[in-house]
mmCIF file of all heavy atoms, coordinates in Angstrom:
data_MODEL
# 
_entry.id   MODEL 
# 
loop_
_atom_site.group_PDB 
_atom_site.id 
_atom_site.type_symbol 
_atom_site.label_atom_id 
_atom_site.label_alt_id 
_atom_site.label_comp_id 
_atom_site.label_asym_id 
_atom_site.label_entity_id 
_atom_site.label_seq_id 
_atom_site.pdbx_PDB_ins_code 
_atom_site.Cartn_x 
_atom_site.Cartn_y 
_atom_site.Cartn_z 
_atom_site.occupancy 
_atom_site.B_iso_or_equiv 
_atom_site.pdbx_formal_charge 
_atom_site.auth_seq_id 
_atom_site.auth_comp_id 
_atom_site.auth_asym_id 
_atom_site.auth_atom_id 
_atom_site.pdbx_PDB_model_num 
ATOM 1   N N   . HIS A 1 1  ? -0.215  9.053  -6.761  1.00 0.00 ? 1  HIS A N   1 
ATOM 2   C CA  . HIS A 1 1  ? 0.819   9.202  -5.643  1.00 0.00 ? 1  HIS A CA  1 
ATOM 3   C C   . HIS A 1 1  ? 0.163   8.795  -4.414  1.00 0.00 ? 1  HIS A C   1 
ATOM 4   O O   . HIS A 1 1  ? -0.920  9.112  -4.240  1.00 0.00 ? 1  HIS A O   1 
ATOM 5   C CB  . HIS A 1 1  ? 1.103   10.813 -5.621  1.00 0.00 ? 1  HIS A CB  1 
ATOM 6   C CG  . HIS A 1 1  ? 1.872   11.195 -4.543  1.00 0.00 ? 1  HIS A CG  1 
ATOM 7   N ND1 . HIS A 1 1  ? 3.232   10.928 -4.398  1.00 0.00 ? 1  HIS A ND1 1 
ATOM 8   C CD2 . HIS A 1 1  ? 1.486   11.895 -3.345  1.00 0.00 ? 1  HIS A CD2 1 
ATOM 9   C CE1 . HIS A 1 1  ? 3.667   11.405 -3.137  1.00 0.00 ? 1  HIS A CE1 1 
ATOM 10  N NE2 . HIS A 1 1  ? 2.628   12.018 -2.591  1.00 0.00 ? 1  HIS A NE2 1 
ATOM 11  N N   . ILE A 1 2  ? 1.075   8.132  -3.608  1.00 0.00 ? 2  ILE A N   1 
ATOM 12  C CA  . ILE A 1 2  ? 0.583   7.717  -2.268  1.00 0.00 ? 2  ILE A CA  1 
ATOM 13  C C   . ILE A 1 2  ? 1.582   8.102  -1.109  1.00 0.00 ? 2  ILE A C   1 
ATOM 14  O O   . ILE A 1 2  ? 2.813   8.111  -1.408  1.00 0.00 ? 2  ILE A O   1 
ATOM 15  C CB  . ILE A 1 2  ? 0.400   6.106  -2.224  1.00 0.00 ? 2  ILE A CB  1 
ATOM 16  C CG1 . ILE A 1 2  ? -0.672  5.751  -3.071  1.00 0.00 ? 2  ILE A CG1 1 
ATOM 17  C CG2 . ILE A 1 2  ? 0.141   5.706  -0.739  1.00 0.00 ? 2  ILE A CG2 1 
ATOM 18  C CD1 . ILE A 1 2  ? -0.802  4.187  -3.238  1.00 0.00 ? 2  ILE A CD1 1 
ATOM 19  N N   . GLU A 1 3  ? 1.217   8.613  -0.030  1.00 0.00 ? 3  GLU A N   1 
ATOM 20  C CA  . GLU A 1 3  ? 2.104   8.994  1.061   1.00 0.00 ? 3  GLU A CA  1 
ATOM 21  C C   . GLU A 1 3  ? 1.997   7.821  2.104   1.00 0.00 ? 3  GLU A C   1 
ATOM 22  O O   . GLU A 1 3  ? 0.729   7.539  2.536   1.00 0.00 ? 3  GLU A O   1 
ATOM 23  C CB  . GLU A 1 3  ? 1.930   10.366 1.637   1.00 0.00 ? 3  GLU A CB  1 
ATOM 24  C CG  . GLU A 1 3  ? 2.349   11.478 0.792   1.00 0.00 ? 3  GLU A CG  1 
ATOM 25  C CD  . GLU A 1 3  ? 2.172   12.804 1.568   1.00 0.00 ? 3  GLU A CD  1 
ATOM 26  O OE1 . GLU A 1 3  ? 1.865   12.788 2.680   1.00 0.00 ? 3  GLU A OE1 1 
ATOM 27  O OE2 . GLU A 1 3  ? 2.441   13.795 0.968   1.00 0.00 ? 3  GLU A OE2 1 
ATOM 28  N N   . ILE A 1 4  ? 3.065   7.368  2.610   1.00 0.00 ? 4  ILE A N   1 
ATOM 29  C CA  . ILE A 1 4  ? 3.166   6.441  3.720   1.00 0.00 ? 4  ILE A CA  1 
ATOM 30  C C   . ILE A 1 4  ? 3.856   7.089  4.826   1.00 0.00 ? 4  ILE A C   1 
ATOM 31  O O   . ILE A 1 4  ? 5.066   7.322  4.697   1.00 0.00 ? 4  ILE A O   1 
ATOM 32  C CB  . ILE A 1 4  ? 3.707   5.065  3.368   1.00 0.00 ? 4  ILE A CB  1 
ATOM 33  C CG1 . ILE A 1 4  ? 2.879   4.361  2.239   1.00 0.00 ? 4  ILE A CG1 1 
ATOM 34  C CG2 . ILE A 1 4  ? 3.763   4.142  4.586   1.00 0.00 ? 4  ILE A CG2 1 
ATOM 35  C CD1 . ILE A 1 4  ? 3.439   2.963  1.795   1.00 0.00 ? 4  ILE A CD1 1 
ATOM 36  N N   . GLN A 1 5  ? 3.060   7.303  5.976   1.00 0.00 ? 5  GLN A N   1 
ATOM 37  C CA  . GLN A 1 5  ? 3.745   8.058  7.070   1.00 0.00 ? 5  GLN A CA  1 
ATOM 38  C C   . GLN A 1 5  ? 4.468   6.923  7.944   1.00 0.00 ? 5  GLN A C   1 
ATOM 39  O O   . GLN A 1 5  ? 3.774   5.953  8.308   1.00 0.00 ? 5  GLN A O   1 
ATOM 40  C CB  . GLN A 1 5  ? 2.702   8.833  7.893   1.00 0.00 ? 5  GLN A CB  1 
ATOM 41  C CG  . GLN A 1 5  ? 2.171   10.065 7.131   1.00 0.00 ? 5  GLN A CG  1 
ATOM 42  C CD  . GLN A 1 5  ? 1.435   10.902 7.904   1.00 0.00 ? 5  GLN A CD  1 
ATOM 43  O OE1 . GLN A 1 5  ? 1.406   10.833 9.106   1.00 0.00 ? 5  GLN A OE1 1 
ATOM 44  N NE2 . GLN A 1 5  ? 0.685   11.887 7.294   1.00 0.00 ? 5  GLN A NE2 1 
ATOM 45  N N   . LEU A 1 6  ? 5.733   7.268  8.451   1.00 0.00 ? 6  LEU A N   1 
ATOM 46  C CA  . LEU A 1 6  ? 6.426   6.213  9.178   1.00 0.00 ? 6  LEU A CA  1 
ATOM 47  C C   . LEU A 1 6  ? 6.265   6.424  10.699  1.00 0.00 ? 6  LEU A C   1 
ATOM 48  O O   . LEU A 1 6  ? 6.065   7.570  11.176  1.00 0.00 ? 6  LEU A O   1 
ATOM 49  C CB  . LEU A 1 6  ? 7.886   6.240  8.806   1.00 0.00 ? 6  LEU A CB  1 
ATOM 50  C CG  . LEU A 1 6  ? 8.257   6.176  7.290   1.00 0.00 ? 6  LEU A CG  1 
ATOM 51  C CD1 . LEU A 1 6  ? 9.771   6.301  7.127   1.00 0.00 ? 6  LEU A CD1 1 
ATOM 52  C CD2 . LEU A 1 6  ? 7.675   4.969  6.672   1.00 0.00 ? 6  LEU A CD2 1 
ATOM 53  N N   . GLN A 1 7  ? 6.292   5.323  11.398  1.00 0.00 ? 7  GLN A N   1 
ATOM 54  C CA  . GLN A 1 7  ? 6.178   5.270  12.829  1.00 0.00 ? 7  GLN A CA  1 
ATOM 55  C C   . GLN A 1 7  ? 6.791   4.085  13.303  1.00 0.00 ? 7  GLN A C   1 
ATOM 56  O O   . GLN A 1 7  ? 6.667   3.005  12.664  1.00 0.00 ? 7  GLN A O   1 
ATOM 57  C CB  . GLN A 1 7  ? 4.681   5.352  13.164  1.00 0.00 ? 7  GLN A CB  1 
ATOM 58  C CG  . GLN A 1 7  ? 4.541   5.735  14.721  1.00 0.00 ? 7  GLN A CG  1 
ATOM 59  C CD  . GLN A 1 7  ? 3.065   5.940  15.105  1.00 0.00 ? 7  GLN A CD  1 
ATOM 60  O OE1 . GLN A 1 7  ? 2.227   5.033  14.604  1.00 0.00 ? 7  GLN A OE1 1 
ATOM 61  N NE2 . GLN A 1 7  ? 2.713   6.955  15.790  1.00 0.00 ? 7  GLN A NE2 1 
ATOM 62  N N   . PRO A 1 8  ? 7.445   4.047  14.440  1.00 0.00 ? 8  PRO A N   1 
ATOM 63  C CA  . PRO A 1 8  ? 8.016   2.886  14.966  1.00 0.00 ? 8  PRO A CA  1 
ATOM 64  C C   . PRO A 1 8  ? 7.057   1.628  15.052  1.00 0.00 ? 8  PRO A C   1 
ATOM 65  O O   . PRO A 1 8  ? 5.888   1.889  15.504  1.00 0.00 ? 8  PRO A O   1 
ATOM 66  C CB  . PRO A 1 8  ? 8.587   3.184  16.374  1.00 0.00 ? 8  PRO A CB  1 
ATOM 67  C CG  . PRO A 1 8  ? 8.792   4.707  16.298  1.00 0.00 ? 8  PRO A CG  1 
ATOM 68  C CD  . PRO A 1 8  ? 7.785   5.201  15.284  1.00 0.00 ? 8  PRO A CD  1 
ATOM 69  N N   . GLY A 1 9  ? 7.373   0.554  14.557  1.00 0.00 ? 9  GLY A N   1 
ATOM 70  C CA  . GLY A 1 9  ? 6.539   -0.591 14.506  1.00 0.00 ? 9  GLY A CA  1 
ATOM 71  C C   . GLY A 1 9  ? 5.811   -0.953 13.314  1.00 0.00 ? 9  GLY A C   1 
ATOM 72  O O   . GLY A 1 9  ? 5.203   -1.901 13.208  1.00 0.00 ? 9  GLY A O   1 
ATOM 73  N N   . ARG A 1 10 ? 5.654   0.147  12.424  1.00 0.00 ? 10 ARG A N   1 
ATOM 74  C CA  . ARG A 1 10 ? 4.924   -0.118 11.166  1.00 0.00 ? 10 ARG A CA  1 
ATOM 75  C C   . ARG A 1 10 ? 5.711   -0.943 10.256  1.00 0.00 ? 10 ARG A C   1 
ATOM 76  O O   . ARG A 1 10 ? 6.966   -0.793 10.010  1.00 0.00 ? 10 ARG A O   1 
ATOM 77  C CB  . ARG A 1 10 ? 4.601   1.244  10.483  1.00 0.00 ? 10 ARG A CB  1 
ATOM 78  C CG  . ARG A 1 10 ? 3.783   2.248  11.256  1.00 0.00 ? 10 ARG A CG  1 
ATOM 79  C CD  . ARG A 1 10 ? 3.174   3.199  10.434  1.00 0.00 ? 10 ARG A CD  1 
ATOM 80  N NE  . ARG A 1 10 ? 1.847   2.890  9.773   1.00 0.00 ? 10 ARG A NE  1 
ATOM 81  C CZ  . ARG A 1 10 ? 1.164   3.540  9.006   1.00 0.00 ? 10 ARG A CZ  1 
ATOM 82  N NH1 . ARG A 1 10 ? 1.770   4.504  8.337   1.00 0.00 ? 10 ARG A NH1 1 
ATOM 83  N NH2 . ARG A 1 10 ? -0.069  3.009  8.509   1.00 0.00 ? 10 ARG A NH2 1 
ATOM 84  N N   . ASP A 1 11 ? 4.926   -1.824 9.547   1.00 0.00 ? 11 ASP A N   1 
ATOM 85  C CA  . ASP A 1 11 ? 5.565   -2.734 8.557   1.00 0.00 ? 11 ASP A CA  1 
ATOM 86  C C   . ASP A 1 11 ? 5.455   -1.912 7.218   1.00 0.00 ? 11 ASP A C   1 
ATOM 87  O O   . ASP A 1 11 ? 4.490   -2.083 6.469   1.00 0.00 ? 11 ASP A O   1 
ATOM 88  C CB  . ASP A 1 11 ? 4.834   -3.968 8.576   1.00 0.00 ? 11 ASP A CB  1 
ATOM 89  C CG  . ASP A 1 11 ? 5.352   -4.975 7.484   1.00 0.00 ? 11 ASP A CG  1 
ATOM 90  O OD1 . ASP A 1 11 ? 6.480   -4.743 6.975   1.00 0.00 ? 11 ASP A OD1 1 
ATOM 91  O OD2 . ASP A 1 11 ? 4.748   -5.970 7.136   1.00 0.00 ? 11 ASP A OD2 1 
ATOM 92  N N   . VAL A 1 12 ? 6.495   -1.136 6.994   1.00 0.00 ? 12 VAL A N   1 
ATOM 93  C CA  . VAL A 1 12 ? 6.470   -0.357 5.818   1.00 0.00 ? 12 VAL A CA  1 
ATOM 94  C C   . VAL A 1 12 ? 6.434   -1.161 4.451   1.00 0.00 ? 12 VAL A C   1 
ATOM 95  O O   . VAL A 1 12 ? 5.730   -0.850 3.600   1.00 0.00 ? 12 VAL A O   1 
ATOM 96  C CB  . VAL A 1 12 ? 7.652   0.593  5.784   1.00 0.00 ? 12 VAL A CB  1 
ATOM 97  C CG1 . VAL A 1 12 ? 7.689   1.568  4.537   1.00 0.00 ? 12 VAL A CG1 1 
ATOM 98  C CG2 . VAL A 1 12 ? 7.725   1.499  6.962   1.00 0.00 ? 12 VAL A CG2 1 
ATOM 99  N N   . ALA A 1 13 ? 7.258   -2.292 4.498   1.00 0.00 ? 13 ALA A N   1 
ATOM 100 C CA  . ALA A 1 13 ? 7.269   -3.132 3.258   1.00 0.00 ? 13 ALA A CA  1 
ATOM 101 C C   . ALA A 1 13 ? 5.880   -3.740 3.165   1.00 0.00 ? 13 ALA A C   1 
ATOM 102 O O   . ALA A 1 13 ? 5.470   -3.860 1.939   1.00 0.00 ? 13 ALA A O   1 
ATOM 103 C CB  . ALA A 1 13 ? 8.399   -4.171 3.392   1.00 0.00 ? 13 ALA A CB  1 
ATOM 104 N N   . GLY A 1 14 ? 5.222   -4.062 4.149   1.00 0.00 ? 14 GLY A N   1 
ATOM 105 C CA  . GLY A 1 14 ? 3.898   -4.733 4.027   1.00 0.00 ? 14 GLY A CA  1 
ATOM 106 C C   . GLY A 1 14 ? 2.964   -3.731 3.557   1.00 0.00 ? 14 GLY A C   1 
ATOM 107 O O   . GLY A 1 14 ? 1.939   -4.017 2.749   1.00 0.00 ? 14 GLY A O   1 
ATOM 108 N N   . LEU A 1 15 ? 3.164   -2.511 3.868   1.00 0.00 ? 15 LEU A N   1 
ATOM 109 C CA  . LEU A 1 15 ? 2.232   -1.446 3.426   1.00 0.00 ? 15 LEU A CA  1 
ATOM 110 C C   . LEU A 1 15 ? 2.395   -1.113 1.959   1.00 0.00 ? 15 LEU A C   1 
ATOM 111 O O   . LEU A 1 15 ? 1.447   -0.919 1.227   1.00 0.00 ? 15 LEU A O   1 
ATOM 112 C CB  . LEU A 1 15 ? 2.492   -0.095 4.250   1.00 0.00 ? 15 LEU A CB  1 
ATOM 113 C CG  . LEU A 1 15 ? 2.031   -0.155 5.706   1.00 0.00 ? 15 LEU A CG  1 
ATOM 114 C CD1 . LEU A 1 15 ? 2.427   1.059  6.364   1.00 0.00 ? 15 LEU A CD1 1 
ATOM 115 C CD2 . LEU A 1 15 ? 0.451   -0.407 5.776   1.00 0.00 ? 15 LEU A CD2 1 
ATOM 116 N N   . VAL A 1 16 ? 3.618   -1.239 1.500   1.00 0.00 ? 16 VAL A N   1 
ATOM 117 C CA  . VAL A 1 16 ? 3.867   -1.059 0.158   1.00 0.00 ? 16 VAL A CA  1 
ATOM 118 C C   . VAL A 1 16 ? 3.311   -2.185 -0.694  1.00 0.00 ? 16 VAL A C   1 
ATOM 119 O O   . VAL A 1 16 ? 2.629   -2.000 -1.747  1.00 0.00 ? 16 VAL A O   1 
ATOM 120 C CB  . VAL A 1 16 ? 5.536   -1.064 -0.242  1.00 0.00 ? 16 VAL A CB  1 
ATOM 121 C CG1 . VAL A 1 16 ? 5.793   -1.018 -1.654  1.00 0.00 ? 16 VAL A CG1 1 
ATOM 122 C CG2 . VAL A 1 16 ? 6.081   0.280  0.419   1.00 0.00 ? 16 VAL A CG2 1 
ATOM 123 N N   . GLU A 1 17 ? 3.402   -3.407 -0.173  1.00 0.00 ? 17 GLU A N   1 
ATOM 124 C CA  . GLU A 1 17 ? 2.861   -4.567 -0.830  1.00 0.00 ? 17 GLU A CA  1 
ATOM 125 C C   . GLU A 1 17 ? 1.277   -4.369 -0.969  1.00 0.00 ? 17 GLU A C   1 
ATOM 126 O O   . GLU A 1 17 ? 0.581   -4.682 -1.960  1.00 0.00 ? 17 GLU A O   1 
ATOM 127 C CB  . GLU A 1 17 ? 3.055   -5.856 -0.060  1.00 0.00 ? 17 GLU A CB  1 
ATOM 128 C CG  . GLU A 1 17 ? 4.529   -6.302 -0.283  1.00 0.00 ? 17 GLU A CG  1 
ATOM 129 C CD  . GLU A 1 17 ? 4.867   -7.519 0.500   1.00 0.00 ? 17 GLU A CD  1 
ATOM 130 O OE1 . GLU A 1 17 ? 4.258   -7.692 1.747   1.00 0.00 ? 17 GLU A OE1 1 
ATOM 131 O OE2 . GLU A 1 17 ? 5.635   -8.392 0.085   1.00 0.00 ? 17 GLU A OE2 1 
ATOM 132 N N   . ALA A 1 18 ? 0.671   -3.852 0.122   1.00 0.00 ? 18 ALA A N   1 
ATOM 133 C CA  . ALA A 1 18 ? -0.823  -3.704 0.175   1.00 0.00 ? 18 ALA A CA  1 
ATOM 134 C C   . ALA A 1 18 ? -1.200  -2.593 -0.690  1.00 0.00 ? 18 ALA A C   1 
ATOM 135 O O   . ALA A 1 18 ? -2.341  -2.682 -1.527  1.00 0.00 ? 18 ALA A O   1 
ATOM 136 C CB  . ALA A 1 18 ? -1.191  -3.233 1.556   1.00 0.00 ? 18 ALA A CB  1 
ATOM 137 N N   . ALA A 1 19 ? -0.358  -1.531 -0.917  1.00 0.00 ? 19 ALA A N   1 
ATOM 138 C CA  . ALA A 1 19 ? -0.690  -0.530 -1.860  1.00 0.00 ? 19 ALA A CA  1 
ATOM 139 C C   . ALA A 1 19 ? -0.699  -1.002 -3.310  1.00 0.00 ? 19 ALA A C   1 
ATOM 140 O O   . ALA A 1 19 ? -1.574  -0.603 -4.189  1.00 0.00 ? 19 ALA A O   1 
ATOM 141 C CB  . ALA A 1 19 ? 0.253   0.663  -1.672  1.00 0.00 ? 19 ALA A CB  1 
ATOM 142 N N   . CYS A 1 20 ? 0.338   -1.862 -3.622  1.00 0.00 ? 20 CYS A N   1 
ATOM 143 C CA  . CYS A 1 20 ? 0.483   -2.382 -4.928  1.00 0.00 ? 20 CYS A CA  1 
ATOM 144 C C   . CYS A 1 20 ? -0.719  -3.394 -5.242  1.00 0.00 ? 20 CYS A C   1 
ATOM 145 O O   . CYS A 1 20 ? -1.337  -3.310 -6.370  1.00 0.00 ? 20 CYS A O   1 
ATOM 146 C CB  . CYS A 1 20 ? 1.758   -3.010 -5.116  1.00 0.00 ? 20 CYS A CB  1 
ATOM 147 S SG  . CYS A 1 20 ? 3.297   -2.090 -5.149  1.00 0.00 ? 20 CYS A SG  1 
ATOM 148 N N   . THR A 1 21 ? -1.143  -4.177 -4.264  1.00 0.00 ? 21 THR A N   1 
ATOM 149 C CA  . THR A 1 21 ? -2.204  -5.063 -4.464  1.00 0.00 ? 21 THR A CA  1 
ATOM 150 C C   . THR A 1 21 ? -3.628  -4.326 -4.649  1.00 0.00 ? 21 THR A C   1 
ATOM 151 O O   . THR A 1 21 ? -4.357  -4.635 -5.551  1.00 0.00 ? 21 THR A O   1 
ATOM 152 C CB  . THR A 1 21 ? -2.349  -6.081 -3.275  1.00 0.00 ? 21 THR A CB  1 
ATOM 153 O OG1 . THR A 1 21 ? -1.097  -6.768 -3.154  1.00 0.00 ? 21 THR A OG1 1 
ATOM 154 C CG2 . THR A 1 21 ? -3.516  -7.087 -3.463  1.00 0.00 ? 21 THR A CG2 1 
ATOM 155 N N   . ASN A 1 22 ? -3.779  -3.252 -3.830  1.00 0.00 ? 22 ASN A N   1 
ATOM 156 C CA  . ASN A 1 22 ? -5.010  -2.435 -3.904  1.00 0.00 ? 22 ASN A CA  1 
ATOM 157 C C   . ASN A 1 22 ? -4.988  -1.708 -5.324  1.00 0.00 ? 22 ASN A C   1 
ATOM 158 O O   . ASN A 1 22 ? -6.078  -1.662 -5.870  1.00 0.00 ? 22 ASN A O   1 
ATOM 159 C CB  . ASN A 1 22 ? -4.979  -1.576 -2.824  1.00 0.00 ? 22 ASN A CB  1 
ATOM 160 C CG  . ASN A 1 22 ? -6.302  -1.062 -2.483  1.00 0.00 ? 22 ASN A CG  1 
ATOM 161 O OD1 . ASN A 1 22 ? -7.336  -1.821 -2.501  1.00 0.00 ? 22 ASN A OD1 1 
ATOM 162 N ND2 . ASN A 1 22 ? -6.543  0.357  -2.259  1.00 0.00 ? 22 ASN A ND2 1 
ATOM 163 N N   . TRP A 1 23 ? -3.947  -1.260 -5.715  1.00 0.00 ? 23 TRP A N   1 
ATOM 164 C CA  . TRP A 1 23 ? -3.832  -0.582 -7.080  1.00 0.00 ? 23 TRP A CA  1 
ATOM 165 C C   . TRP A 1 23 ? -4.211  -1.516 -8.116  1.00 0.00 ? 23 TRP A C   1 
ATOM 166 O O   . TRP A 1 23 ? -5.075  -1.258 -9.021  1.00 0.00 ? 23 TRP A O   1 
ATOM 167 C CB  . TRP A 1 23 ? -2.501  -0.048 -7.338  1.00 0.00 ? 23 TRP A CB  1 
ATOM 168 C CG  . TRP A 1 23 ? -2.302  0.580  -8.729  1.00 0.00 ? 23 TRP A CG  1 
ATOM 169 C CD1 . TRP A 1 23 ? -2.583  1.854  -8.958  1.00 0.00 ? 23 TRP A CD1 1 
ATOM 170 C CD2 . TRP A 1 23 ? -1.922  -0.083 -9.883  1.00 0.00 ? 23 TRP A CD2 1 
ATOM 171 N NE1 . TRP A 1 23 ? -2.430  2.091  -10.413 1.00 0.00 ? 23 TRP A NE1 1 
ATOM 172 C CE2 . TRP A 1 23 ? -2.038  0.895  -10.895 1.00 0.00 ? 23 TRP A CE2 1 
ATOM 173 C CE3 . TRP A 1 23 ? -1.575  -1.412 -10.254 1.00 0.00 ? 23 TRP A CE3 1 
ATOM 174 C CZ2 . TRP A 1 23 ? -1.701  0.560  -12.228 1.00 0.00 ? 23 TRP A CZ2 1 
ATOM 175 C CZ3 . TRP A 1 23 ? -1.183  -1.660 -11.532 1.00 0.00 ? 23 TRP A CZ3 1 
ATOM 176 C CH2 . TRP A 1 23 ? -1.247  -0.595 -12.458 1.00 0.00 ? 23 TRP A CH2 1 
ATOM 177 N N   . TYR A 1 24 ? -3.763  -2.769 -8.172  1.00 0.00 ? 24 TYR A N   1 
ATOM 178 C CA  . TYR A 1 24 ? -4.009  -3.872 -9.112  1.00 0.00 ? 24 TYR A CA  1 
ATOM 179 C C   . TYR A 1 24 ? -5.548  -4.165 -9.155  1.00 0.00 ? 24 TYR A C   1 
ATOM 180 O O   . TYR A 1 24 ? -6.188  -4.220 -10.069 1.00 0.00 ? 24 TYR A O   1 
ATOM 181 C CB  . TYR A 1 24 ? -3.211  -4.982 -8.832  1.00 0.00 ? 24 TYR A CB  1 
ATOM 182 C CG  . TYR A 1 24 ? -3.528  -6.125 -9.906  1.00 0.00 ? 24 TYR A CG  1 
ATOM 183 C CD1 . TYR A 1 24 ? -2.949  -6.102 -11.073 1.00 0.00 ? 24 TYR A CD1 1 
ATOM 184 C CD2 . TYR A 1 24 ? -4.430  -7.245 -9.454  1.00 0.00 ? 24 TYR A CD2 1 
ATOM 185 C CE1 . TYR A 1 24 ? -3.325  -7.134 -11.996 1.00 0.00 ? 24 TYR A CE1 1 
ATOM 186 C CE2 . TYR A 1 24 ? -4.654  -8.184 -10.373 1.00 0.00 ? 24 TYR A CE2 1 
ATOM 187 C CZ  . TYR A 1 24 ? -4.140  -8.167 -11.662 1.00 0.00 ? 24 TYR A CZ  1 
ATOM 188 O OH  . TYR A 1 24 ? -4.528  -9.184 -12.557 1.00 0.00 ? 24 TYR A OH  1 
ATOM 189 N N   . LEU A 1 25 ? -6.099  -4.269 -7.908  1.00 0.00 ? 25 LEU A N   1 
ATOM 190 C CA  . LEU A 1 25 ? -7.525  -4.507 -7.869  1.00 0.00 ? 25 LEU A CA  1 
ATOM 191 C C   . LEU A 1 25 ? -8.353  -3.363 -8.428  1.00 0.00 ? 25 LEU A C   1 
ATOM 192 O O   . LEU A 1 25 ? -9.448  -3.675 -9.058  1.00 0.00 ? 25 LEU A O   1 
ATOM 193 C CB  . LEU A 1 25 ? -7.956  -4.863 -6.435  1.00 0.00 ? 25 LEU A CB  1 
ATOM 194 C CG  . LEU A 1 25 ? -7.433  -6.183 -5.797  1.00 0.00 ? 25 LEU A CG  1 
ATOM 195 C CD1 . LEU A 1 25 ? -7.709  -6.291 -4.243  1.00 0.00 ? 25 LEU A CD1 1 
ATOM 196 C CD2 . LEU A 1 25 ? -7.962  -7.422 -6.558  1.00 0.00 ? 25 LEU A CD2 1 
ATOM 197 N N   . PHE A 1 26 ? -7.963  -2.229 -8.058  1.00 0.00 ? 26 PHE A N   1 
ATOM 198 C CA  . PHE A 1 26 ? -8.581  -0.992 -8.562  1.00 0.00 ? 26 PHE A CA  1 
ATOM 199 C C   . PHE A 1 26 ? -8.573  -0.977 -10.045 1.00 0.00 ? 26 PHE A C   1 
ATOM 200 O O   . PHE A 1 26 ? -9.591  -0.525 -10.737 1.00 0.00 ? 26 PHE A O   1 
ATOM 201 C CB  . PHE A 1 26 ? -7.898  0.289  -8.015  1.00 0.00 ? 26 PHE A CB  1 
ATOM 202 C CG  . PHE A 1 26 ? -8.734  1.529  -8.393  1.00 0.00 ? 26 PHE A CG  1 
ATOM 203 C CD1 . PHE A 1 26 ? -9.776  1.896  -7.627  1.00 0.00 ? 26 PHE A CD1 1 
ATOM 204 C CD2 . PHE A 1 26 ? -8.285  2.393  -9.314  1.00 0.00 ? 26 PHE A CD2 1 
ATOM 205 C CE1 . PHE A 1 26 ? -10.576 3.029  -7.862  1.00 0.00 ? 26 PHE A CE1 1 
ATOM 206 C CE2 . PHE A 1 26 ? -8.899  3.565  -9.613  1.00 0.00 ? 26 PHE A CE2 1 
ATOM 207 C CZ  . PHE A 1 26 ? -10.117 3.883  -9.001  1.00 0.00 ? 26 PHE A CZ  1 
ATOM 208 N N   . GLN A 1 27 ? -7.549  -1.435 -10.715 1.00 0.00 ? 27 GLN A N   1 
ATOM 209 C CA  . GLN A 1 27 ? -7.424  -1.501 -12.208 1.00 0.00 ? 27 GLN A CA  1 
ATOM 210 C C   . GLN A 1 27 ? -8.331  -2.448 -12.770 1.00 0.00 ? 27 GLN A C   1 
ATOM 211 O O   . GLN A 1 27 ? -8.759  -2.388 -13.922 1.00 0.00 ? 27 GLN A O   1 
ATOM 212 C CB  . GLN A 1 27 ? -5.960  -1.786 -12.677 1.00 0.00 ? 27 GLN A CB  1 
ATOM 213 C CG  . GLN A 1 27 ? -5.007  -0.716 -12.189 1.00 0.00 ? 27 GLN A CG  1 
ATOM 214 C CD  . GLN A 1 27 ? -5.261  0.686  -12.675 1.00 0.00 ? 27 GLN A CD  1 
ATOM 215 O OE1 . GLN A 1 27 ? -5.563  0.846  -13.952 1.00 0.00 ? 27 GLN A OE1 1 
ATOM 216 N NE2 . GLN A 1 27 ? -5.296  1.591  -11.928 1.00 0.00 ? 27 GLN A NE2 1 
ATOM 217 N N   . GLN A 1 28 ? -8.684  -3.530 -11.923 1.00 0.00 ? 28 GLN A N   1 
ATOM 218 C CA  . GLN A 1 28 ? -9.561  -4.547 -12.238 1.00 0.00 ? 28 GLN A CA  1 
ATOM 219 C C   . GLN A 1 28 ? -11.047 -4.159 -12.062 1.00 0.00 ? 28 GLN A C   1 
ATOM 220 O O   . GLN A 1 28 ? -11.999 -4.963 -12.455 1.00 0.00 ? 28 GLN A O   1 
ATOM 221 C CB  . GLN A 1 28 ? -9.248  -5.825 -11.553 1.00 0.00 ? 28 GLN A CB  1 
ATOM 222 C CG  . GLN A 1 28 ? -7.869  -6.288 -11.759 1.00 0.00 ? 28 GLN A CG  1 
ATOM 223 C CD  . GLN A 1 28 ? -7.453  -6.535 -13.255 1.00 0.00 ? 28 GLN A CD  1 
ATOM 224 O OE1 . GLN A 1 28 ? -8.185  -7.266 -13.972 1.00 0.00 ? 28 GLN A OE1 1 
ATOM 225 N NE2 . GLN A 1 28 ? -6.445  -6.027 -13.662 1.00 0.00 ? 28 GLN A NE2 1 
ATOM 226 N N   . GLY A 1 29 ? -11.251 -2.966 -11.560 1.00 0.00 ? 29 GLY A N   1 
ATOM 227 C CA  . GLY A 1 29 ? -12.684 -2.544 -11.356 1.00 0.00 ? 29 GLY A CA  1 
ATOM 228 C C   . GLY A 1 29 ? -13.142 -2.672 -9.940  1.00 0.00 ? 29 GLY A C   1 
ATOM 229 O O   . GLY A 1 29 ? -14.353 -2.425 -9.581  1.00 0.00 ? 29 GLY A O   1 
ATOM 230 N N   . TYR A 1 30 ? -12.357 -3.102 -8.874  1.00 0.00 ? 30 TYR A N   1 
ATOM 231 C CA  . TYR A 1 30 ? -12.802 -3.384 -7.592  1.00 0.00 ? 30 TYR A CA  1 
ATOM 232 C C   . TYR A 1 30 ? -12.289 -2.285 -6.728  1.00 0.00 ? 30 TYR A C   1 
ATOM 233 O O   . TYR A 1 30 ? -11.113 -1.765 -6.873  1.00 0.00 ? 30 TYR A O   1 
ATOM 234 C CB  . TYR A 1 30 ? -12.176 -4.681 -7.066  1.00 0.00 ? 30 TYR A CB  1 
ATOM 235 C CG  . TYR A 1 30 ? -12.557 -4.928 -5.594  1.00 0.00 ? 30 TYR A CG  1 
ATOM 236 C CD1 . TYR A 1 30 ? -13.808 -5.363 -5.225  1.00 0.00 ? 30 TYR A CD1 1 
ATOM 237 C CD2 . TYR A 1 30 ? -11.504 -4.646 -4.756  1.00 0.00 ? 30 TYR A CD2 1 
ATOM 238 C CE1 . TYR A 1 30 ? -14.056 -5.510 -3.825  1.00 0.00 ? 30 TYR A CE1 1 
ATOM 239 C CE2 . TYR A 1 30 ? -11.867 -4.902 -3.287  1.00 0.00 ? 30 TYR A CE2 1 
ATOM 240 C CZ  . TYR A 1 30 ? -13.117 -5.256 -2.923  1.00 0.00 ? 30 TYR A CZ  1 
ATOM 241 O OH  . TYR A 1 30 ? -13.387 -5.453 -1.514  1.00 0.00 ? 30 TYR A OH  1 
# 
């Protein structure tokens, strides 16, 4: 579970993409 706090100007879609990429790398051991 991940919480993304919203604020004007934040690229929420970009943060979701970053979370998915980071999760994938974590699964690969990084």
